[in-house]
Amino acid sequence: MMENEFMELEEKIVKMLKTVYDPEIPVNVYDLGLIYGVDIDENQHVVITMTLTAPGCPVADFIVEDVRMKVESVEGVKSVEINLVFEPAWNKDMMSEEAKFELGFL
């Protein structure tokens, strides 16, 4: 894969991640800052490193599965692995400006 193909694929993945919402918060997981990393290898295997707003999140399985299914649906993605991490711990400073505005933090 060429560098620009990686960039295009990453952009498509990010666009798809922006369609995944925590059912309790009206902001997508990407703008919430829950996605710590999107790694794509030369075989189009994608590893998403992400967290949740709280370790005991009642909808954790739903969100992780939604991320997996949506990223797998992106053209060019061969497989998806999700690494759920709680270090560093998520905090509201990780949100995008739009998310902070949406939730009234600005």
PDB file of N, CA and C in Angstrom:
ATOM      1  N   MET A   1       0.844  -1.198   0.000  1.00  0.00           N
ATOM      2  CA  MET A   1       0.000   0.000   0.000  1.00  0.00           C
ATOM      3  C   MET A   1       0.879   1.248   0.000  1.00  0.00           C
ATOM      4  N   MET A   2       0.505   2.207  -0.780  1.00  0.00           N
ATOM      5  CA  MET A   2       1.243   3.462  -0.846  1.00  0.00           C
ATOM      6  C   MET A   2       0.816   4.353   0.323  1.00  0.00           C
ATOM      7  N   GLU A   3       1.663   5.328   0.650  1.00  0.00           N
ATOM      8  CA  GLU A   3       1.391   6.234   1.769  1.00  0.00           C
ATOM      9  C   GLU A   3       0.030   6.910   1.635  1.00  0.00           C
ATOM     10  N   ASN A   4      -0.298   7.416   0.418  1.00  0.00           N
ATOM     11  CA  ASN A   4      -1.576   8.113   0.263  1.00  0.00           C
ATOM     12  C   ASN A   4      -2.767   7.157   0.372  1.00  0.00           C
ATOM     13  N   GLU A   5      -2.565   5.873   0.035  1.00  0.00           N
ATOM     14  CA  GLU A   5      -3.639   4.888   0.214  1.00  0.00           C
ATOM     15  C   GLU A   5      -3.892   4.652   1.699  1.00  0.00           C
ATOM     16  N   PHE A   6      -2.813   4.621   2.489  1.00  0.00           N
ATOM     17  CA  PHE A   6      -2.949   4.500   3.941  1.00  0.00           C
ATOM     18  C   PHE A   6      -3.744   5.680   4.488  1.00  0.00           C
ATOM     19  N   MET A   7      -3.379   6.887   4.022  1.00  0.00           N
ATOM     20  CA  MET A   7      -4.041   8.104   4.494  1.00  0.00           C
ATOM     21  C   MET A   7      -5.524   8.067   4.148  1.00  0.00           C
ATOM     22  N   GLU A   8      -5.827   7.660   2.897  1.00  0.00           N
ATOM     23  CA  GLU A   8      -7.229   7.578   2.465  1.00  0.00           C
ATOM     24  C   GLU A   8      -7.998   6.587   3.315  1.00  0.00           C
ATOM     25  N   LEU A   9      -7.388   5.429   3.564  1.00  0.00           N
ATOM     26  CA  LEU A   9      -8.054   4.400   4.360  1.00  0.00           C
ATOM     27  C   LEU A   9      -8.262   4.907   5.786  1.00  0.00           C
ATOM     28  N   GLU A  10      -7.261   5.554   6.336  1.00  0.00           N
ATOM     29  CA  GLU A  10      -7.391   6.092   7.690  1.00  0.00           C
ATOM     30  C   GLU A  10      -8.501   7.138   7.754  1.00  0.00           C
ATOM     31  N   GLU A  11      -8.582   7.996   6.724  1.00  0.00           N
ATOM     32  CA  GLU A  11      -9.646   9.005   6.679  1.00  0.00           C
ATOM     33  C   GLU A  11     -11.027   8.354   6.643  1.00  0.00           C
ATOM     34  N   LYS A  12     -11.168   7.292   5.841  1.00  0.00           N
ATOM     35  CA  LYS A  12     -12.444   6.581   5.759  1.00  0.00           C
ATOM     36  C   LYS A  12     -12.799   5.960   7.101  1.00  0.00           C
ATOM     37  N   ILE A  13     -11.787   5.412   7.786  1.00  0.00           N
ATOM     38  CA  ILE A  13     -12.016   4.792   9.097  1.00  0.00           C
ATOM     39  C   ILE A  13     -12.450   5.851  10.107  1.00  0.00           C
ATOM     40  N   VAL A  14     -11.765   7.002  10.118  1.00  0.00           N
ATOM     41  CA  VAL A  14     -12.121   8.083  11.042  1.00  0.00           C
ATOM     42  C   VAL A  14     -13.545   8.557  10.757  1.00  0.00           C
ATOM     43  N   LYS A  15     -13.886   8.713   9.474  1.00  0.00           N
ATOM     44  CA  LYS A  15     -15.235   9.142   9.097  1.00  0.00           C
ATOM     45  C   LYS A  15     -16.265   8.144   9.644  1.00  0.00           C
ATOM     46  N   MET A  16     -15.950   6.856   9.554  1.00  0.00           N
ATOM     47  CA  MET A  16     -16.854   5.813  10.052  1.00  0.00           C
ATOM     48  C   MET A  16     -16.919   5.853  11.580  1.00  0.00           C
ATOM     49  N   LEU A  17     -15.777   6.083  12.235  1.00  0.00           N
ATOM     50  CA  LEU A  17     -15.769   6.162  13.704  1.00  0.00           C
ATOM     51  C   LEU A  17     -16.657   7.301  14.194  1.00  0.00           C
ATOM     52  N   LYS A  18     -16.779   8.338  13.387  1.00  0.00           N
ATOM     53  CA  LYS A  18     -17.613   9.484  13.771  1.00  0.00           C
ATOM     54  C   LYS A  18     -19.111   9.162  13.674  1.00  0.00           C
ATOM     55  N   THR A  19     -19.450   7.929  13.248  1.00  0.00           N
ATOM     56  CA  THR A  19     -20.860   7.515  13.227  1.00  0.00           C
ATOM     57  C   THR A  19     -21.180   6.618  14.426  1.00  0.00           C
ATOM     58  N   VAL A  20     -20.188   6.383  15.294  1.00  0.00           N
ATOM     59  CA  VAL A  20     -20.388   5.543  16.477  1.00  0.00           C
ATOM     60  C   VAL A  20     -20.612   6.450  17.681  1.00  0.00           C
ATOM     61  N   TYR A  21     -21.730   6.241  18.351  1.00  0.00           N
ATOM     62  CA  TYR A  21     -22.086   7.078  19.495  1.00  0.00           C
ATOM     63  C   TYR A  21     -22.208   6.251  20.762  1.00  0.00           C
ATOM     64  N   ASP A  22     -21.798   6.853  21.873  1.00  0.00           N
ATOM     65  CA  ASP A  22     -22.114   6.311  23.184  1.00  0.00           C
ATOM     66  C   ASP A  22     -23.605   6.631  23.339  1.00  0.00           C
ATOM     67  N   PRO A  23     -24.459   5.623  23.562  1.00  0.00           N
ATOM     68  CA  PRO A  23     -25.902   5.884  23.648  1.00  0.00           C
ATOM     69  C   PRO A  23     -26.285   6.889  24.732  1.00  0.00           C
ATOM     70  N   GLU A  24     -25.401   7.101  25.701  1.00  0.00           N
ATOM     71  CA  GLU A  24     -25.727   8.021  26.794  1.00  0.00           C
ATOM     72  C   GLU A  24     -25.244   9.450  26.541  1.00  0.00           C
ATOM     73  N   ILE A  25     -24.447   9.643  25.475  1.00  0.00           N
ATOM     74  CA  ILE A  25     -23.861  10.966  25.206  1.00  0.00           C
ATOM     75  C   ILE A  25     -24.089  11.304  23.731  1.00  0.00           C
ATOM     76  N   PRO A  26     -24.587  12.507  23.421  1.00  0.00           N
ATOM     77  CA  PRO A  26     -24.910  12.840  22.023  1.00  0.00           C
ATOM     78  C   PRO A  26     -23.703  13.259  21.185  1.00  0.00           C
ATOM     79  N   VAL A  27     -22.546  12.630  21.426  1.00  0.00           N
ATOM     80  CA  VAL A  27     -21.320  12.958  20.698  1.00  0.00           C
ATOM     81  C   VAL A  27     -20.665  11.651  20.280  1.00  0.00           C
ATOM     82  N   ASN A  28     -20.074  11.631  19.082  1.00  0.00           N
ATOM     83  CA  ASN A  28     -19.448  10.390  18.600  1.00  0.00           C
ATOM     84  C   ASN A  28     -18.160  10.068  19.359  1.00  0.00           C
ATOM     85  N   VAL A  29     -17.781   8.779  19.314  1.00  0.00           N
ATOM     86  CA  VAL A  29     -16.618   8.309  20.084  1.00  0.00           C
ATOM     87  C   VAL A  29     -15.316   8.980  19.667  1.00  0.00           C
ATOM     88  N   TYR A  30     -15.221   9.372  18.387  1.00  0.00           N
ATOM     89  CA  TYR A  30     -13.994  10.012  17.910  1.00  0.00           C
ATOM     90  C   TYR A  30     -13.850  11.411  18.526  1.00  0.00           C
ATOM     91  N   ASP A  31     -14.912  12.208  18.428  1.00  0.00           N
ATOM     92  CA  ASP A  31     -14.851  13.569  18.973  1.00  0.00           C
ATOM     93  C   ASP A  31     -14.829  13.579  20.503  1.00  0.00           C
ATOM     94  N   LEU A  32     -15.329  12.502  21.122  1.00  0.00           N
ATOM     95  CA  LEU A  32     -15.230  12.392  22.586  1.00  0.00           C
ATOM     96  C   LEU A  32     -13.788  12.149  23.013  1.00  0.00           C
ATOM     97  N   GLY A  33     -12.935  11.732  22.074  1.00  0.00           N
ATOM     98  CA  GLY A  33     -11.541  11.457  22.416  1.00  0.00           C
ATOM     99  C   GLY A  33     -11.342  10.034  22.911  1.00  0.00           C
ATOM    100  N   LEU A  34     -12.292   9.155  22.622  1.00  0.00           N
ATOM    101  CA  LEU A  34     -12.191   7.767  23.086  1.00  0.00           C
ATOM    102  C   LEU A  34     -11.294   6.916  22.199  1.00  0.00           C
ATOM    103  N   ILE A  35     -10.983   7.404  20.999  1.00  0.00           N
ATOM    104  CA  ILE A  35     -10.114   6.657  20.081  1.00  0.00           C
ATOM    105  C   ILE A  35      -8.686   7.149  20.285  1.00  0.00           C
ATOM    106  N   TYR A  36      -7.828   6.281  20.813  1.00  0.00           N
ATOM    107  CA  TYR A  36      -6.443   6.662  21.081  1.00  0.00           C
ATOM    108  C   TYR A  36      -5.541   6.380  19.890  1.00  0.00           C
ATOM    109  N   GLY A  37      -5.936   5.443  19.031  1.00  0.00           N
ATOM    110  CA  GLY A  37      -5.077   5.141  17.902  1.00  0.00           C
ATOM    111  C   GLY A  37      -5.772   4.306  16.851  1.00  0.00           C
ATOM    112  N   VAL A  38      -5.412   4.555  15.582  1.00  0.00           N
ATOM    113  CA  VAL A  38      -5.871   3.759  14.439  1.00  0.00           C
ATOM    114  C   VAL A  38      -4.608   3.324  13.716  1.00  0.00           C
ATOM    115  N   ASP A  39      -4.279   2.038  13.809  1.00  0.00           N
ATOM    116  CA  ASP A  39      -3.068   1.538  13.166  1.00  0.00           C
ATOM    117  C   ASP A  39      -3.452   0.574  12.061  1.00  0.00           C
ATOM    118  N   ILE A  40      -2.876   0.780  10.891  1.00  0.00           N
ATOM    119  CA  ILE A  40      -3.165  -0.045   9.723  1.00  0.00           C
ATOM    120  C   ILE A  40      -1.851  -0.645   9.242  1.00  0.00           C
ATOM    121  N   ASP A  41      -1.800  -1.969   9.091  1.00  0.00           N
ATOM    122  CA  ASP A  41      -0.570  -2.556   8.564  1.00  0.00           C
ATOM    123  C   ASP A  41      -0.676  -2.726   7.048  1.00  0.00           C
ATOM    124  N   GLU A  42       0.404  -3.224   6.434  1.00  0.00           N
ATOM    125  CA  GLU A  42       0.449  -3.320   4.971  1.00  0.00           C
ATOM    126  C   GLU A  42      -0.566  -4.316   4.412  1.00  0.00           C
ATOM    127  N   ASN A  43      -1.150  -5.160   5.267  1.00  0.00           N
ATOM    128  CA  ASN A  43      -2.169  -6.116   4.818  1.00  0.00           C
ATOM    129  C   ASN A  43      -3.586  -5.622   5.100  1.00  0.00           C
ATOM    130  N   GLN A  44      -3.728  -4.346   5.400  1.00  0.00           N
ATOM    131  CA  GLN A  44      -5.009  -3.709   5.706  1.00  0.00           C
ATOM    132  C   GLN A  44      -5.699  -4.285   6.941  1.00  0.00           C
ATOM    133  N   HIS A  45      -4.895  -4.779   7.879  1.00  0.00           N
ATOM    134  CA  HIS A  45      -5.428  -5.188   9.177  1.00  0.00           C
ATOM    135  C   HIS A  45      -5.397  -3.935  10.051  1.00  0.00           C
ATOM    136  N   VAL A  46      -6.505  -3.640  10.684  1.00  0.00           N
ATOM    137  CA  VAL A  46      -6.635  -2.409  11.456  1.00  0.00           C
ATOM    138  C   VAL A  46      -6.688  -2.740  12.946  1.00  0.00           C
ATOM    139  N   VAL A  47      -5.904  -1.998  13.727  1.00  0.00           N
ATOM    140  CA  VAL A  47      -5.958  -2.116  15.178  1.00  0.00           C
ATOM    141  C   VAL A  47      -6.425  -0.761  15.716  1.00  0.00           C
ATOM    142  N   ILE A  48      -7.560  -0.784  16.401  1.00  0.00           N
ATOM    143  CA  ILE A  48      -8.109   0.423  17.016  1.00  0.00           C
ATOM    144  C   ILE A  48      -7.794   0.342  18.510  1.00  0.00           C
ATOM    145  N   THR A  49      -7.095   1.353  19.021  1.00  0.00           N
ATOM    146  CA  THR A  49      -6.855   1.439  20.456  1.00  0.00           C
ATOM    147  C   THR A  49      -7.824   2.486  20.974  1.00  0.00           C
ATOM    148  N   MET A  50      -8.666   2.071  21.915  1.00  0.00           N
ATOM    149  CA  MET A  50      -9.705   2.986  22.391  1.00  0.00           C
ATOM    150  C   MET A  50      -9.949   2.782  23.877  1.00  0.00           C
ATOM    151  N   THR A  51     -10.686   3.717  24.444  1.00  0.00           N
ATOM    152  CA  THR A  51     -11.080   3.635  25.838  1.00  0.00           C
ATOM    153  C   THR A  51     -12.565   3.928  25.935  1.00  0.00           C
ATOM    154  N   LEU A  52     -13.064   4.013  27.143  1.00  0.00           N
ATOM    155  CA  LEU A  52     -14.452   4.376  27.400  1.00  0.00           C
ATOM    156  C   LEU A  52     -14.448   5.505  28.422  1.00  0.00           C
ATOM    157  N   THR A  53     -15.568   6.192  28.551  1.00  0.00           N
ATOM    158  CA  THR A  53     -15.607   7.313  29.495  1.00  0.00           C
ATOM    159  C   THR A  53     -15.424   6.837  30.929  1.00  0.00           C
ATOM    160  N   ALA A  54     -15.776   5.559  31.202  1.00  0.00           N
ATOM    161  CA  ALA A  54     -15.589   4.980  32.539  1.00  0.00           C
ATOM    162  C   ALA A  54     -15.378   3.477  32.398  1.00  0.00           C
ATOM    163  N   PRO A  55     -14.474   2.887  33.199  1.00  0.00           N
ATOM    164  CA  PRO A  55     -14.213   1.450  33.095  1.00  0.00           C
ATOM    165  C   PRO A  55     -15.462   0.584  33.252  1.00  0.00           C
ATOM    166  N   GLY A  56     -16.422   1.006  34.085  1.00  0.00           N
ATOM    167  CA  GLY A  56     -17.631   0.217  34.288  1.00  0.00           C
ATOM    168  C   GLY A  56     -18.761   0.588  33.351  1.00  0.00           C
ATOM    169  N   CYS A  57     -18.443   1.191  32.233  1.00  0.00           N
ATOM    170  CA  CYS A  57     -19.450   1.669  31.279  1.00  0.00           C
ATOM    171  C   CYS A  57     -20.454   0.558  30.942  1.00  0.00           C
ATOM    172  N   PRO A  58     -21.755   0.784  31.226  1.00  0.00           N
ATOM    173  CA  PRO A  58     -22.753  -0.268  31.012  1.00  0.00           C
ATOM    174  C   PRO A  58     -22.960  -0.631  29.535  1.00  0.00           C
ATOM    175  N   VAL A  59     -22.571   0.245  28.633  1.00  0.00           N
ATOM    176  CA  VAL A  59     -22.761  -0.035  27.208  1.00  0.00           C
ATOM    177  C   VAL A  59     -21.440  -0.336  26.505  1.00  0.00           C
ATOM    178  N   ALA A  60     -20.417  -0.710  27.281  1.00  0.00           N
ATOM    179  CA  ALA A  60     -19.078  -0.970  26.729  1.00  0.00           C
ATOM    180  C   ALA A  60     -19.121  -1.964  25.576  1.00  0.00           C
ATOM    181  N   ASP A  61     -19.755  -3.120  25.778  1.00  0.00           N
ATOM    182  CA  ASP A  61     -19.785  -4.155  24.738  1.00  0.00           C
ATOM    183  C   ASP A  61     -20.452  -3.639  23.480  1.00  0.00           C
ATOM    184  N   PHE A  62     -21.531  -2.894  23.648  1.00  0.00           N
ATOM    185  CA  PHE A  62     -22.267  -2.335  22.511  1.00  0.00           C
ATOM    186  C   PHE A  62     -21.374  -1.386  21.707  1.00  0.00           C
ATOM    187  N   ILE A  63     -20.681  -0.491  22.406  1.00  0.00           N
ATOM    188  CA  ILE A  63     -19.830   0.500  21.726  1.00  0.00           C
ATOM    189  C   ILE A  63     -18.671  -0.195  21.006  1.00  0.00           C
ATOM    190  N   VAL A  64     -17.989  -1.114  21.682  1.00  0.00           N
ATOM    191  CA  VAL A  64     -16.845  -1.818  21.087  1.00  0.00           C
ATOM    192  C   VAL A  64     -17.303  -2.610  19.856  1.00  0.00           C
ATOM    193  N   GLU A  65     -18.428  -3.276  19.948  1.00  0.00           N
ATOM    194  CA  GLU A  65     -18.939  -4.063  18.824  1.00  0.00           C
ATOM    195  C   GLU A  65     -19.349  -3.150  17.668  1.00  0.00           C
ATOM    196  N   ASP A  66     -19.939  -2.006  17.988  1.00  0.00           N
ATOM    197  CA  ASP A  66     -20.332  -1.037  16.965  1.00  0.00           C
ATOM    198  C   ASP A  66     -19.092  -0.529  16.226  1.00  0.00           C
ATOM    199  N   VAL A  67     -18.027  -0.208  16.976  1.00  0.00           N
ATOM    200  CA  VAL A  67     -16.768   0.230  16.367  1.00  0.00           C
ATOM    201  C   VAL A  67     -16.249  -0.865  15.437  1.00  0.00           C
ATOM    202  N   ARG A  68     -16.210  -2.115  15.939  1.00  0.00           N
ATOM    203  CA  ARG A  68     -15.691  -3.228  15.142  1.00  0.00           C
ATOM    204  C   ARG A  68     -16.494  -3.409  13.846  1.00  0.00           C
ATOM    205  N   MET A  69     -17.808  -3.458  13.963  1.00  0.00           N
ATOM    206  CA  MET A  69     -18.643  -3.707  12.780  1.00  0.00           C
ATOM    207  C   MET A  69     -18.532  -2.572  11.762  1.00  0.00           C
ATOM    208  N   LYS A  70     -18.534  -1.350  12.241  1.00  0.00           N
ATOM    209  CA  LYS A  70     -18.487  -0.210  11.318  1.00  0.00           C
ATOM    210  C   LYS A  70     -17.130  -0.103  10.627  1.00  0.00           C
ATOM    211  N   VAL A  71     -16.039  -0.329  11.376  1.00  0.00           N
ATOM    212  CA  VAL A  71     -14.711  -0.253  10.761  1.00  0.00           C
ATOM    213  C   VAL A  71     -14.525  -1.418   9.780  1.00  0.00           C
ATOM    214  N   GLU A  72     -15.039  -2.599  10.135  1.00  0.00           N
ATOM    215  CA  GLU A  72     -14.952  -3.749   9.212  1.00  0.00           C
ATOM    216  C   GLU A  72     -15.690  -3.470   7.908  1.00  0.00           C
ATOM    217  N   SER A  73     -16.709  -2.610   7.960  1.00  0.00           N
ATOM    218  CA  SER A  73     -17.504  -2.322   6.761  1.00  0.00           C
ATOM    219  C   SER A  73     -16.810  -1.346   5.809  1.00  0.00           C
ATOM    220  N   VAL A  74     -15.709  -0.729   6.251  1.00  0.00           N
ATOM    221  CA  VAL A  74     -14.982   0.228   5.403  1.00  0.00           C
ATOM    222  C   VAL A  74     -14.287  -0.534   4.280  1.00  0.00           C
ATOM    223  N   GLU A  75     -14.491  -0.054   3.062  1.00  0.00           N
ATOM    224  CA  GLU A  75     -13.870  -0.688   1.896  1.00  0.00           C
ATOM    225  C   GLU A  75     -12.354  -0.656   2.038  1.00  0.00           C
ATOM    226  N   GLY A  76     -11.716  -1.811   1.858  1.00  0.00           N
ATOM    227  CA  GLY A  76     -10.264  -1.885   1.956  1.00  0.00           C
ATOM    228  C   GLY A  76      -9.767  -2.452   3.279  1.00  0.00           C
ATOM    229  N   VAL A  77     -10.656  -2.525   4.284  1.00  0.00           N
ATOM    230  CA  VAL A  77     -10.263  -3.074   5.583  1.00  0.00           C
ATOM    231  C   VAL A  77     -10.439  -4.590   5.543  1.00  0.00           C
ATOM    232  N   LYS A  78      -9.366  -5.316   5.880  1.00  0.00           N
ATOM    233  CA  LYS A  78      -9.428  -6.785   5.858  1.00  0.00           C
ATOM    234  C   LYS A  78      -9.890  -7.350   7.202  1.00  0.00           C
ATOM    235  N   SER A  79      -9.401  -6.787   8.302  1.00  0.00           N
ATOM    236  CA  SER A  79      -9.809  -7.255   9.623  1.00  0.00           C
ATOM    237  C   SER A  79      -9.626  -6.132  10.629  1.00  0.00           C
ATOM    238  N   VAL A  80     -10.299  -6.271  11.761  1.00  0.00           N
ATOM    239  CA  VAL A  80     -10.256  -5.243  12.797  1.00  0.00           C
ATOM    240  C   VAL A  80     -10.008  -5.898  14.147  1.00  0.00           C
ATOM    241  N   GLU A  81      -9.085  -5.323  14.880  1.00  0.00           N
ATOM    242  CA  GLU A  81      -8.824  -5.751  16.251  1.00  0.00           C
ATOM    243  C   GLU A  81      -9.024  -4.532  17.133  1.00  0.00           C
ATOM    244  N   ILE A  82      -9.725  -4.715  18.243  1.00  0.00           N
ATOM    245  CA  ILE A  82      -9.970  -3.602  19.160  1.00  0.00           C
ATOM    246  C   ILE A  82      -9.157  -3.833  20.435  1.00  0.00           C
ATOM    247  N   ASN A  83      -8.332  -2.861  20.781  1.00  0.00           N
ATOM    248  CA  ASN A  83      -7.614  -2.886  22.065  1.00  0.00           C
ATOM    249  C   ASN A  83      -8.316  -1.896  22.987  1.00  0.00           C
ATOM    250  N   LEU A  84      -8.990  -2.415  23.999  1.00  0.00           N
ATOM    251  CA  LEU A  84      -9.677  -1.557  24.958  1.00  0.00           C
ATOM    252  C   LEU A  84      -8.720  -1.300  26.117  1.00  0.00           C
ATOM    253  N   VAL A  85      -8.380  -0.038  26.333  1.00  0.00           N
ATOM    254  CA  VAL A  85      -7.416   0.314  27.367  1.00  0.00           C
ATOM    255  C   VAL A  85      -8.008   1.356  28.323  1.00  0.00           C
ATOM    256  N   PHE A  86      -7.488   1.392  29.534  1.00  0.00           N
ATOM    257  CA  PHE A  86      -7.947   2.405  30.483  1.00  0.00           C
ATOM    258  C   PHE A  86      -6.793   3.240  31.011  1.00  0.00           C
ATOM    259  N   GLU A  87      -5.644   3.135  30.331  1.00  0.00           N
ATOM    260  CA  GLU A  87      -4.485   3.976  30.610  1.00  0.00           C
ATOM    261  C   GLU A  87      -4.060   4.594  29.288  1.00  0.00           C
ATOM    262  N   PRO A  88      -3.925   5.885  29.125  1.00  0.00           N
ATOM    263  CA  PRO A  88      -4.289   6.851  30.155  1.00  0.00           C
ATOM    264  C   PRO A  88      -5.811   6.911  30.331  1.00  0.00           C
ATOM    265  N   ALA A  89      -6.243   7.251  31.516  1.00  0.00           N
ATOM    266  CA  ALA A  89      -7.674   7.353  31.789  1.00  0.00           C
ATOM    267  C   ALA A  89      -8.251   8.509  30.970  1.00  0.00           C
ATOM    268  N   TRP A  90      -9.452   8.298  30.443  1.00  0.00           N
ATOM    269  CA  TRP A  90     -10.116   9.346  29.666  1.00  0.00           C
ATOM    270  C   TRP A  90     -10.529  10.489  30.579  1.00  0.00           C
ATOM    271  N   ASN A  91     -10.439  11.717  30.052  1.00  0.00           N
ATOM    272  CA  ASN A  91     -11.021  12.860  30.762  1.00  0.00           C
ATOM    273  C   ASN A  91     -11.549  13.842  29.732  1.00  0.00           C
ATOM    274  N   LYS A  92     -12.341  14.784  30.185  1.00  0.00           N
ATOM    275  CA  LYS A  92     -13.038  15.660  29.233  1.00  0.00           C
ATOM    276  C   LYS A  92     -12.100  16.535  28.406  1.00  0.00           C
ATOM    277  N   ASP A  93     -10.852  16.697  28.837  1.00  0.00           N
ATOM    278  CA  ASP A  93      -9.891  17.476  28.052  1.00  0.00           C
ATOM    279  C   ASP A  93      -9.539  16.794  26.729  1.00  0.00           C
ATOM    280  N   MET A  94      -9.841  15.501  26.609  1.00  0.00           N
ATOM    281  CA  MET A  94      -9.534  14.751  25.391  1.00  0.00           C
ATOM    282  C   MET A  94     -10.580  14.970  24.290  1.00  0.00           C
ATOM    283  N   MET A  95     -11.675  15.633  24.637  1.00  0.00           N
ATOM    284  CA  MET A  95     -12.734  15.860  23.653  1.00  0.00           C
ATOM    285  C   MET A  95     -12.331  16.937  22.653  1.00  0.00           C
ATOM    286  N   SER A  96     -12.885  16.840  21.459  1.00  0.00           N
ATOM    287  CA  SER A  96     -12.673  17.890  20.465  1.00  0.00           C
ATOM    288  C   SER A  96     -13.423  19.140  20.917  1.00  0.00           C
ATOM    289  N   GLU A  97     -13.087  20.270  20.322  1.00  0.00           N
ATOM    290  CA  GLU A  97     -13.785  21.526  20.646  1.00  0.00           C
ATOM    291  C   GLU A  97     -15.285  21.384  20.386  1.00  0.00           C
ATOM    292  N   GLU A  98     -15.644  20.700  19.270  1.00  0.00           N
ATOM    293  CA  GLU A  98     -17.064  20.535  18.922  1.00  0.00           C
ATOM    294  C   GLU A  98     -17.787  19.748  20.019  1.00  0.00           C
ATOM    295  N   ALA A  99     -17.133  18.688  20.505  1.00  0.00           N
ATOM    296  CA  ALA A  99     -17.747  17.854  21.551  1.00  0.00           C
ATOM    297  C   ALA A  99     -17.938  18.663  22.830  1.00  0.00           C
ATOM    298  N   LYS A 100     -16.914  19.449  23.197  1.00  0.00           N
ATOM    299  CA  LYS A 100     -17.019  20.269  24.412  1.00  0.00           C
ATOM    300  C   LYS A 100     -18.160  21.267  24.274  1.00  0.00           C
ATOM    301  N   PHE A 101     -18.281  21.855  23.094  1.00  0.00           N
ATOM    302  CA  PHE A 101     -19.346  22.812  22.834  1.00  0.00           C
ATOM    303  C   PHE A 101     -20.713  22.132  22.936  1.00  0.00           C
ATOM    304  N   GLU A 102     -20.830  20.969  22.266  1.00  0.00           N
ATOM    305  CA  GLU A 102     -22.069  20.200  22.233  1.00  0.00           C
ATOM    306  C   GLU A 102     -22.544  19.846  23.647  1.00  0.00           C
ATOM    307  N   LEU A 103     -21.592  19.526  24.510  1.00  0.00           N
ATOM    308  CA  LEU A 103     -21.929  19.098  25.863  1.00  0.00           C
ATOM    309  C   LEU A 103     -21.928  20.247  26.885  1.00  0.00           C
ATOM    310  N   GLY A 104     -21.695  21.469  26.375  1.00  0.00           N
ATOM    311  CA  GLY A 104     -21.781  22.640  27.250  1.00  0.00           C
ATOM    312  C   GLY A 104     -20.550  22.902  28.090  1.00  0.00           C
ATOM    313  N   PHE A 105     -19.383  22.359  27.694  1.00  0.00           N
ATOM    314  CA  PHE A 105     -18.158  22.613  28.453  1.00  0.00           C
ATOM    315  C   PHE A 105     -17.460  23.893  27.984  1.00  0.00           C
ATOM    316  N   LEU A 106     -17.930  24.478  26.885  1.00  0.00           N
ATOM    317  CA  LEU A 106     -17.308  25.724  26.386  1.00  0.00           C
ATOM    318  C   LEU A 106     -18.259  26.893  26.567  1.00  0.00           C
TER     319      LEU A 106
END
